[in-house]
Amino acid sequence: MRGLHPGPALTALAIVVALSGCGGPIDAQESSESETTTAAEATPGRDDGVDKYPLGEGPHTVESDPGWVFFRVGAGQGCGIGPIGRVVGCDIVPRDAPPGTNQTAIEGNQPAAYVRSASPSFTRDVAVLPEGHRLTNGATRCAVKAGPTVHCETANDAHGFLISPATGTLW
């Protein structure tokens, strides 16, 4: 009686296992990626971002600044997100910001910073963005949270800020 050669059967089994996603190395790699993501989300002062909030409604654009999206917070100060999200900022700083600064801003691929401007740059006569809502422009988005706290972040949360009347976190 002639014996069966196990080669084709083992090859077929290996293909089925690989396609089904089973196996140690693939699972181990996926675990490492999710641990990295969790660590990034756990940065002090930050939470799970602004995408969980619904989009705000109302007039948030002005003819004199095409491509920009603006909003005001309850106290009347303004924020804006530039065309395709390359600039985002607020005419707001927390009490713990460096003396003399009056804006929180991100420009290009730079981290957020407190800066000084001779006049408001981000305040326009537009609708108030209610607490628990967000606006987007390109991949950049901002939300108003409880406090009121403003949270803005760029694509993939690469840079951003979280500012309340008392304190701020910049990245």
C-alpha atoms as a PDB file:
ATOM      1  CA  MET A   1       0.000   0.000   0.000  1.00  0.00           C
ATOM      2  CA  ARG A   2       1.317   3.357  -0.975  1.00  0.00           C
ATOM      3  CA  GLY A   3       1.483   6.149   1.698  1.00  0.00           C
ATOM      4  CA  LEU A   4       0.116   9.648   1.191  1.00  0.00           C
ATOM      5  CA  HIS A   5       2.630  12.435   0.878  1.00  0.00           C
ATOM      6  CA  PRO A   6       1.855  15.089   3.557  1.00  0.00           C
ATOM      7  CA  GLY A   7       3.390  18.027   1.631  1.00  0.00           C
ATOM      8  CA  PRO A   8       0.291  19.299  -0.275  1.00  0.00           C
ATOM      9  CA  ALA A   9      -1.992  18.795   2.737  1.00  0.00           C
ATOM     10  CA  LEU A  10       0.298  20.786   5.046  1.00  0.00           C
ATOM     11  CA  THR A  11       0.690  23.543   2.449  1.00  0.00           C
ATOM     12  CA  ALA A  12      -3.097  23.835   2.093  1.00  0.00           C
ATOM     13  CA  LEU A  13      -3.499  23.934   5.891  1.00  0.00           C
ATOM     14  CA  ALA A  14      -0.862  26.668   6.187  1.00  0.00           C
ATOM     15  CA  ILE A  15      -2.675  28.784   3.565  1.00  0.00           C
ATOM     16  CA  VAL A  16      -6.016  28.383   5.357  1.00  0.00           C
ATOM     17  CA  VAL A  17      -4.457  29.344   8.716  1.00  0.00           C
ATOM     18  CA  ALA A  18      -2.733  32.393   7.198  1.00  0.00           C
ATOM     19  CA  LEU A  19      -5.887  33.600   5.461  1.00  0.00           C
ATOM     20  CA  SER A  20      -7.998  33.167   8.588  1.00  0.00           C
ATOM     21  CA  GLY A  21      -5.727  35.446  10.586  1.00  0.00           C
ATOM     22  CA  CYS A  22      -4.693  32.771  13.080  1.00  0.00           C
ATOM     23  CA  GLY A  23      -1.161  32.443  14.309  1.00  0.00           C
ATOM     24  CA  GLY A  24       1.211  33.916  16.844  1.00  0.00           C
ATOM     25  CA  PRO A  25       3.316  36.453  14.955  1.00  0.00           C
ATOM     26  CA  ILE A  26       0.397  38.320  13.344  1.00  0.00           C
ATOM     27  CA  ASP A  27      -1.537  38.526  16.626  1.00  0.00           C
ATOM     28  CA  ALA A  28       1.571  39.701  18.481  1.00  0.00           C
ATOM     29  CA  GLN A  29       2.130  42.474  15.936  1.00  0.00           C
ATOM     30  CA  GLU A  30      -1.468  43.660  16.174  1.00  0.00           C
ATOM     31  CA  SER A  31      -1.223  43.758  19.987  1.00  0.00           C
ATOM     32  CA  SER A  32       1.861  45.965  19.804  1.00  0.00           C
ATOM     33  CA  GLU A  33       0.118  48.419  17.478  1.00  0.00           C
ATOM     34  CA  SER A  34      -2.933  48.725  19.732  1.00  0.00           C
ATOM     35  CA  GLU A  35      -0.732  49.201  22.815  1.00  0.00           C
ATOM     36  CA  THR A  36       1.070  52.055  21.025  1.00  0.00           C
ATOM     37  CA  THR A  37      -2.236  53.698  20.120  1.00  0.00           C
ATOM     38  CA  THR A  38      -3.478  53.373  23.690  1.00  0.00           C
ATOM     39  CA  ALA A  39      -0.305  54.942  25.044  1.00  0.00           C
ATOM     40  CA  ALA A  40      -0.661  57.931  22.687  1.00  0.00           C
ATOM     41  CA  GLU A  41      -4.283  58.451  23.695  1.00  0.00           C
ATOM     42  CA  ALA A  42      -3.347  58.401  27.385  1.00  0.00           C
ATOM     43  CA  THR A  43      -1.159  61.518  27.187  1.00  0.00           C
ATOM     44  CA  PRO A  44      -1.919  63.687  30.248  1.00  0.00           C
ATOM     45  CA  GLY A  45      -4.487  66.404  29.608  1.00  0.00           C
ATOM     46  CA  ARG A  46      -5.819  64.774  26.444  1.00  0.00           C
ATOM     47  CA  ASP A  47      -8.710  62.424  25.924  1.00  0.00           C
ATOM     48  CA  ASP A  48     -10.227  60.522  23.030  1.00  0.00           C
ATOM     49  CA  GLY A  49     -10.379  63.517  20.723  1.00  0.00           C
ATOM     50  CA  VAL A  50     -13.115  65.551  19.121  1.00  0.00           C
ATOM     51  CA  ASP A  51     -14.510  63.183  16.503  1.00  0.00           C
ATOM     52  CA  LYS A  52     -17.054  61.785  18.966  1.00  0.00           C
ATOM     53  CA  TYR A  53     -18.967  65.084  18.917  1.00  0.00           C
ATOM     54  CA  PRO A  54     -21.635  65.940  16.322  1.00  0.00           C
ATOM     55  CA  LEU A  55     -20.969  68.699  13.805  1.00  0.00           C
ATOM     56  CA  GLY A  56     -22.071  72.169  14.817  1.00  0.00           C
ATOM     57  CA  GLU A  57     -24.702  74.013  12.825  1.00  0.00           C
ATOM     58  CA  GLY A  58     -25.085  77.652  11.916  1.00  0.00           C
ATOM     59  CA  PRO A  59     -23.125  80.232   9.981  1.00  0.00           C
ATOM     60  CA  HIS A  60     -19.412  79.586  10.539  1.00  0.00           C
ATOM     61  CA  THR A  61     -17.935  81.181   7.405  1.00  0.00           C
ATOM     62  CA  VAL A  62     -17.505  84.770   6.239  1.00  0.00           C
ATOM     63  CA  GLU A  63     -17.112  86.066   2.677  1.00  0.00           C
ATOM     64  CA  SER A  64     -14.004  88.075   3.539  1.00  0.00           C
ATOM     65  CA  ASP A  65     -12.074  84.917   4.538  1.00  0.00           C
ATOM     66  CA  PRO A  66     -12.737  82.224   1.901  1.00  0.00           C
ATOM     67  CA  GLY A  67     -11.795  78.708   2.940  1.00  0.00           C
ATOM     68  CA  TRP A  68     -11.846  79.492   6.663  1.00  0.00           C
ATOM     69  CA  VAL A  69     -14.257  78.100   9.256  1.00  0.00           C
ATOM     70  CA  PHE A  70     -14.796  80.174  12.407  1.00  0.00           C
ATOM     71  CA  PHE A  71     -16.658  79.766  15.678  1.00  0.00           C
ATOM     72  CA  ARG A  72     -17.102  81.578  18.933  1.00  0.00           C
ATOM     73  CA  VAL A  73     -17.267  80.122  22.424  1.00  0.00           C
ATOM     74  CA  GLY A  74     -19.884  81.211  24.951  1.00  0.00           C
ATOM     75  CA  ALA A  75     -17.771  84.099  26.280  1.00  0.00           C
ATOM     76  CA  GLY A  76     -17.516  85.566  22.757  1.00  0.00           C
ATOM     77  CA  GLN A  77     -13.875  84.792  21.990  1.00  0.00           C
ATOM     78  CA  GLY A  78     -13.242  83.340  18.577  1.00  0.00           C
ATOM     79  CA  CYS A  79     -11.403  80.476  16.954  1.00  0.00           C
ATOM     80  CA  GLY A  80     -10.723  79.637  13.319  1.00  0.00           C
ATOM     81  CA  ILE A  81      -9.540  76.786  11.137  1.00  0.00           C
ATOM     82  CA  GLY A  82      -7.765  77.878   7.963  1.00  0.00           C
ATOM     83  CA  PRO A  83      -8.082  76.456   4.458  1.00  0.00           C
ATOM     84  CA  ILE A  84      -7.404  72.710   4.415  1.00  0.00           C
ATOM     85  CA  GLY A  85      -6.617  72.949   8.122  1.00  0.00           C
ATOM     86  CA  ARG A  86      -3.051  74.279   7.765  1.00  0.00           C
ATOM     87  CA  VAL A  87      -3.652  76.944  10.431  1.00  0.00           C
ATOM     88  CA  VAL A  88      -5.870  76.689  13.482  1.00  0.00           C
ATOM     89  CA  GLY A  89      -6.068  79.027  16.417  1.00  0.00           C
ATOM     90  CA  CYS A  90      -8.073  80.886  19.009  1.00  0.00           C
ATOM     91  CA  ASP A  91      -7.965  84.412  20.367  1.00  0.00           C
ATOM     92  CA  ILE A  92      -7.931  82.708  23.758  1.00  0.00           C
ATOM     93  CA  VAL A  93      -5.220  81.725  26.220  1.00  0.00           C
ATOM     94  CA  PRO A  94      -5.640  80.143  29.641  1.00  0.00           C
ATOM     95  CA  ARG A  95      -4.583  81.914  32.832  1.00  0.00           C
ATOM     96  CA  ASP A  96      -1.418  79.788  33.004  1.00  0.00           C
ATOM     97  CA  ALA A  97      -0.186  80.901  29.541  1.00  0.00           C
ATOM     98  CA  PRO A  98       3.015  82.971  29.402  1.00  0.00           C
ATOM     99  CA  PRO A  99       2.483  86.681  30.153  1.00  0.00           C
ATOM    100  CA  GLY A 100       1.817  88.831  27.093  1.00  0.00           C
ATOM    101  CA  THR A 101       0.361  86.058  24.940  1.00  0.00           C
ATOM    102  CA  ASN A 102      -3.208  86.349  23.674  1.00  0.00           C
ATOM    103  CA  GLN A 103      -3.593  83.533  21.136  1.00  0.00           C
ATOM    104  CA  THR A 104      -3.219  79.772  20.982  1.00  0.00           C
ATOM    105  CA  ALA A 105      -2.284  78.603  17.490  1.00  0.00           C
ATOM    106  CA  ILE A 106      -0.901  75.866  15.258  1.00  0.00           C
ATOM    107  CA  GLU A 107       0.687  76.828  11.956  1.00  0.00           C
ATOM    108  CA  GLY A 108       1.726  74.295   9.354  1.00  0.00           C
ATOM    109  CA  ASN A 109       3.336  71.206  10.801  1.00  0.00           C
ATOM    110  CA  GLN A 110       4.480  72.935  13.994  1.00  0.00           C
ATOM    111  CA  PRO A 111       3.306  72.122  17.530  1.00  0.00           C
ATOM    112  CA  ALA A 112       0.732  74.391  19.133  1.00  0.00           C
ATOM    113  CA  ALA A 113       2.053  77.534  20.825  1.00  0.00           C
ATOM    114  CA  TYR A 114       0.886  80.568  22.755  1.00  0.00           C
ATOM    115  CA  VAL A 115       1.634  83.699  20.726  1.00  0.00           C
ATOM    116  CA  ARG A 116       1.139  87.456  20.845  1.00  0.00           C
ATOM    117  CA  SER A 117      -0.866  89.308  18.198  1.00  0.00           C
ATOM    118  CA  ALA A 118      -1.553  93.040  17.949  1.00  0.00           C
ATOM    119  CA  SER A 119      -5.214  92.320  17.151  1.00  0.00           C
ATOM    120  CA  PRO A 120      -7.587  89.339  17.194  1.00  0.00           C
ATOM    121  CA  SER A 121      -6.908  87.035  14.250  1.00  0.00           C
ATOM    122  CA  PHE A 122      -9.508  84.319  14.752  1.00  0.00           C
ATOM    123  CA  THR A 123     -12.605  86.163  15.988  1.00  0.00           C
ATOM    124  CA  ARG A 124     -15.387  86.820  13.474  1.00  0.00           C
ATOM    125  CA  ASP A 125     -19.102  87.576  13.710  1.00  0.00           C
ATOM    126  CA  VAL A 126     -20.217  83.947  13.411  1.00  0.00           C
ATOM    127  CA  ALA A 127     -22.316  81.519  15.423  1.00  0.00           C
ATOM    128  CA  VAL A 128     -21.345  80.225  18.837  1.00  0.00           C
ATOM    129  CA  LEU A 129     -20.294  76.576  18.685  1.00  0.00           C
ATOM    130  CA  PRO A 130     -22.306  74.969  21.481  1.00  0.00           C
ATOM    131  CA  GLU A 131     -20.666  72.790  24.093  1.00  0.00           C
ATOM    132  CA  GLY A 132     -20.433  69.195  22.876  1.00  0.00           C
ATOM    133  CA  HIS A 133     -20.132  70.063  19.159  1.00  0.00           C
ATOM    134  CA  ARG A 134     -17.279  70.225  16.646  1.00  0.00           C
ATOM    135  CA  LEU A 135     -16.295  71.830  13.351  1.00  0.00           C
ATOM    136  CA  THR A 136     -13.844  70.550  10.758  1.00  0.00           C
ATOM    137  CA  ASN A 137     -11.881  72.017   7.880  1.00  0.00           C
ATOM    138  CA  GLY A 138      -9.785  69.541   5.958  1.00  0.00           C
ATOM    139  CA  ALA A 139      -8.339  67.093   8.466  1.00  0.00           C
ATOM    140  CA  THR A 140      -8.249  69.662  11.289  1.00  0.00           C
ATOM    141  CA  ARG A 141     -11.085  69.809  13.775  1.00  0.00           C
ATOM    142  CA  CYS A 142     -12.090  71.653  16.932  1.00  0.00           C
ATOM    143  CA  ALA A 143     -14.708  71.019  19.581  1.00  0.00           C
ATOM    144  CA  VAL A 144     -16.101  72.962  22.504  1.00  0.00           C
ATOM    145  CA  LYS A 145     -16.238  70.834  25.627  1.00  0.00           C
ATOM    146  CA  ALA A 146     -17.471  71.475  29.155  1.00  0.00           C
ATOM    147  CA  GLY A 147     -15.845  74.371  30.920  1.00  0.00           C
ATOM    148  CA  PRO A 148     -15.847  75.869  28.237  1.00  0.00           C
ATOM    149  CA  THR A 149     -12.786  74.047  26.984  1.00  0.00           C
ATOM    150  CA  VAL A 150     -11.658  74.252  23.361  1.00  0.00           C
ATOM    151  CA  HIS A 151      -9.934  71.189  21.889  1.00  0.00           C
ATOM    152  CA  CYS A 152      -8.361  71.470  18.423  1.00  0.00           C
ATOM    153  CA  GLU A 153      -6.255  68.859  16.656  1.00  0.00           C
ATOM    154  CA  THR A 154      -4.624  68.417  13.268  1.00  0.00           C
ATOM    155  CA  ALA A 155      -4.554  65.327  11.049  1.00  0.00           C
ATOM    156  CA  ASN A 156      -3.947  62.121  12.994  1.00  0.00           C
ATOM    157  CA  ASP A 157      -3.792  64.206  16.196  1.00  0.00           C
ATOM    158  CA  ALA A 158      -0.208  65.160  15.257  1.00  0.00           C
ATOM    159  CA  HIS A 159      -0.527  68.588  16.890  1.00  0.00           C
ATOM    160  CA  GLY A 160      -3.202  70.242  18.926  1.00  0.00           C
ATOM    161  CA  PHE A 161      -4.282  72.118  21.989  1.00  0.00           C
ATOM    162  CA  LEU A 162      -6.736  71.774  24.813  1.00  0.00           C
ATOM    163  CA  ILE A 163      -7.433  75.111  26.514  1.00  0.00           C
ATOM    164  CA  SER A 164      -9.787  76.019  29.321  1.00  0.00           C
ATOM    165  CA  PRO A 165     -10.037  79.327  31.182  1.00  0.00           C
ATOM    166  CA  ALA A 166      -7.574  78.016  33.799  1.00  0.00           C
ATOM    167  CA  THR A 167      -5.059  75.840  31.981  1.00  0.00           C
ATOM    168  CA  GLY A 168      -3.878  74.520  28.642  1.00  0.00           C
ATOM    169  CA  THR A 169      -2.135  71.534  27.105  1.00  0.00           C
ATOM    170  CA  LEU A 170      -0.214  71.974  23.844  1.00  0.00           C
ATOM    171  CA  TRP A 171       1.293  69.325  21.581  1.00  0.00           C
END
